[in-house]
Amino acid sequence: QVQLVESGGGLVQPGGSLRLSCAASGSIFSPNAMGWYRQAPGKERELAAEVTSSGTTNYADSVKGRFTIPRDNAKNTVYLQMNSLNPEDTAVYYCLYSDYHDGLHYWGKGTLVTVSS
């Protein structure tokens, strides 16, 4: 089992920045991937960014150049640094941990990001 604890959501003005954190604990093994998905009201959940335990990253086209996903393997923590936020980034952001050994996926409870003036 893997537990995920997210933090860092909130209200931010357009053009602002916000950083999300997700700390994983439990049965953590490499190789794995951690990432952030988001779900806007009335829309399906979609990938924002992900990073493997070896450092390979993948970003949605909509966030490229604005978001980065640093990862601290020693702390089993992944971050989502979000810059130049716009109202279309408003969503609940969910952390995902994927275990490549057994193919299991674990979700966090989500943290709300609201971009509004």
Protein backbone atom coordinates (compact mmCIF):
# COMPACT_ATOMS: atom_id res chain seq x y z
CA GLN A 1 0.00 0.00 0.00
CA VAL A 2 1.05 3.54 -0.72
CA GLN A 3 -0.34 6.65 0.94
CA LEU A 4 -0.20 10.05 -0.70
CA VAL A 5 -0.54 13.38 1.08
CA GLU A 6 -1.04 16.46 -1.08
CA SER A 7 -0.72 20.08 -0.08
CA GLY A 8 -0.38 23.53 -1.57
CA GLY A 9 -3.67 24.25 -3.30
CA GLY A 10 -5.53 27.50 -2.95
CA LEU A 11 -6.67 30.67 -4.64
CA VAL A 12 -4.30 32.56 -6.91
CA GLN A 13 -4.72 35.46 -9.31
CA PRO A 14 -4.20 35.05 -13.05
CA GLY A 15 -0.53 35.26 -13.88
CA GLY A 16 0.45 34.04 -10.43
CA SER A 17 2.32 30.98 -9.24
CA LEU A 18 1.58 28.11 -6.92
CA ARG A 19 3.47 25.01 -5.83
CA LEU A 20 1.83 21.72 -4.97
CA SER A 21 3.49 18.96 -2.97
CA CYS A 22 2.76 15.25 -2.79
CA ALA A 23 4.53 13.02 -0.28
CA ALA A 24 4.35 9.26 -0.71
CA SER A 25 4.80 6.74 2.07
CA GLY A 26 4.43 3.01 2.46
CA SER A 27 5.62 0.40 -0.03
CA ILE A 28 7.74 2.57 -2.29
CA PHE A 29 9.81 0.72 -4.88
CA SER A 30 11.70 1.68 -7.98
CA PRO A 31 11.06 1.97 -10.79
CA ASN A 32 7.93 4.02 -10.41
CA ALA A 33 6.32 7.22 -11.56
CA MET A 34 4.63 10.05 -9.77
CA GLY A 35 2.49 12.64 -11.38
CA TRP A 36 -0.24 15.19 -11.21
CA TYR A 37 -3.60 14.89 -12.89
CA ARG A 38 -6.29 17.51 -12.82
CA GLN A 39 -10.04 17.60 -13.19
CA ALA A 40 -11.86 20.79 -14.01
CA PRO A 41 -15.60 21.15 -13.31
CA GLY A 42 -17.60 19.20 -15.87
CA LYS A 43 -14.51 17.73 -17.50
CA GLU A 44 -12.64 14.46 -17.40
CA ARG A 45 -9.49 13.98 -15.37
CA GLU A 46 -6.40 14.65 -17.46
CA LEU A 47 -2.66 14.42 -17.08
CA ALA A 48 -0.85 17.62 -16.18
CA ALA A 49 2.66 16.26 -15.65
CA GLU A 50 4.48 13.15 -14.55
CA VAL A 51 8.03 12.11 -13.68
CA THR A 52 9.58 8.68 -13.35
CA SER A 53 11.95 7.63 -10.59
CA SER A 54 14.78 7.96 -13.12
CA GLY A 55 13.81 11.54 -13.91
CA THR A 56 11.99 11.25 -17.22
CA THR A 57 9.23 13.85 -17.45
CA ASN A 58 6.07 14.17 -19.50
CA TYR A 59 3.90 17.28 -19.70
CA ALA A 60 0.52 18.00 -21.19
CA ASP A 61 0.75 20.45 -24.07
CA SER A 62 -1.45 22.89 -22.16
CA VAL A 63 1.10 23.28 -19.35
CA LYS A 64 4.42 23.02 -21.22
CA GLY A 65 6.63 26.00 -20.51
CA ARG A 66 4.58 26.99 -17.46
CA PHE A 67 4.65 23.97 -15.13
CA THR A 68 7.56 21.90 -13.90
CA ILE A 69 7.54 18.70 -11.85
CA PRO A 70 10.63 18.42 -9.65
CA ARG A 71 11.01 15.29 -7.62
CA ASP A 72 12.95 14.44 -4.45
CA ASN A 73 13.47 10.67 -4.42
CA ALA A 74 15.06 10.75 -0.96
CA LYS A 75 11.82 12.19 0.42
CA ASN A 76 9.50 10.31 -1.97
CA THR A 77 8.01 13.67 -2.76
CA VAL A 78 6.96 15.24 -6.02
CA TYR A 79 6.12 18.87 -6.58
CA LEU A 80 4.20 20.75 -9.22
CA GLN A 81 5.52 24.24 -9.76
CA MET A 82 2.85 26.16 -11.61
CA ASN A 83 3.66 29.53 -13.14
CA SER A 84 1.70 31.94 -15.34
CA LEU A 85 -1.55 30.46 -14.13
CA ASN A 86 -4.76 31.25 -15.95
CA PRO A 87 -8.43 30.54 -15.15
CA GLU A 88 -8.33 27.44 -17.37
CA ASP A 89 -5.94 25.88 -14.84
CA THR A 90 -8.67 25.89 -12.21
CA ALA A 91 -9.22 22.29 -11.19
CA VAL A 92 -8.81 19.71 -8.48
CA TYR A 93 -5.26 18.42 -8.77
CA TYR A 94 -4.66 14.79 -7.90
CA CYS A 95 -1.35 13.12 -7.16
CA LEU A 96 -0.76 9.69 -8.68
CA TYR A 97 1.82 7.08 -7.76
CA SER A 98 2.35 4.24 -10.23
CA ASP A 99 4.26 1.11 -9.24
CA TYR A 100 5.95 -0.41 -12.27
CA HIS A 101 6.51 -3.73 -10.48
CA ASP A 102 2.89 -4.71 -9.93
CA GLY A 103 1.11 -2.20 -12.13
CA LEU A 104 -0.86 -0.72 -9.26
CA HIS A 105 -1.82 2.96 -9.12
CA TYR A 106 -2.54 5.03 -6.04
CA TRP A 107 -4.38 8.36 -5.99
CA GLY A 108 -4.28 11.19 -3.53
CA LYS A 109 -7.47 12.86 -2.32
CA GLY A 110 -6.90 15.95 -4.43
CA THR A 111 -6.25 19.61 -3.75
CA LEU A 112 -8.24 22.47 -5.26
CA VAL A 113 -6.51 25.15 -7.28
CA THR A 114 -8.60 28.17 -8.18
CA VAL A 115 -7.27 30.84 -10.53
CA SER A 116 -9.41 33.91 -10.32
CA SER A 117 -9.21 37.66 -9.85
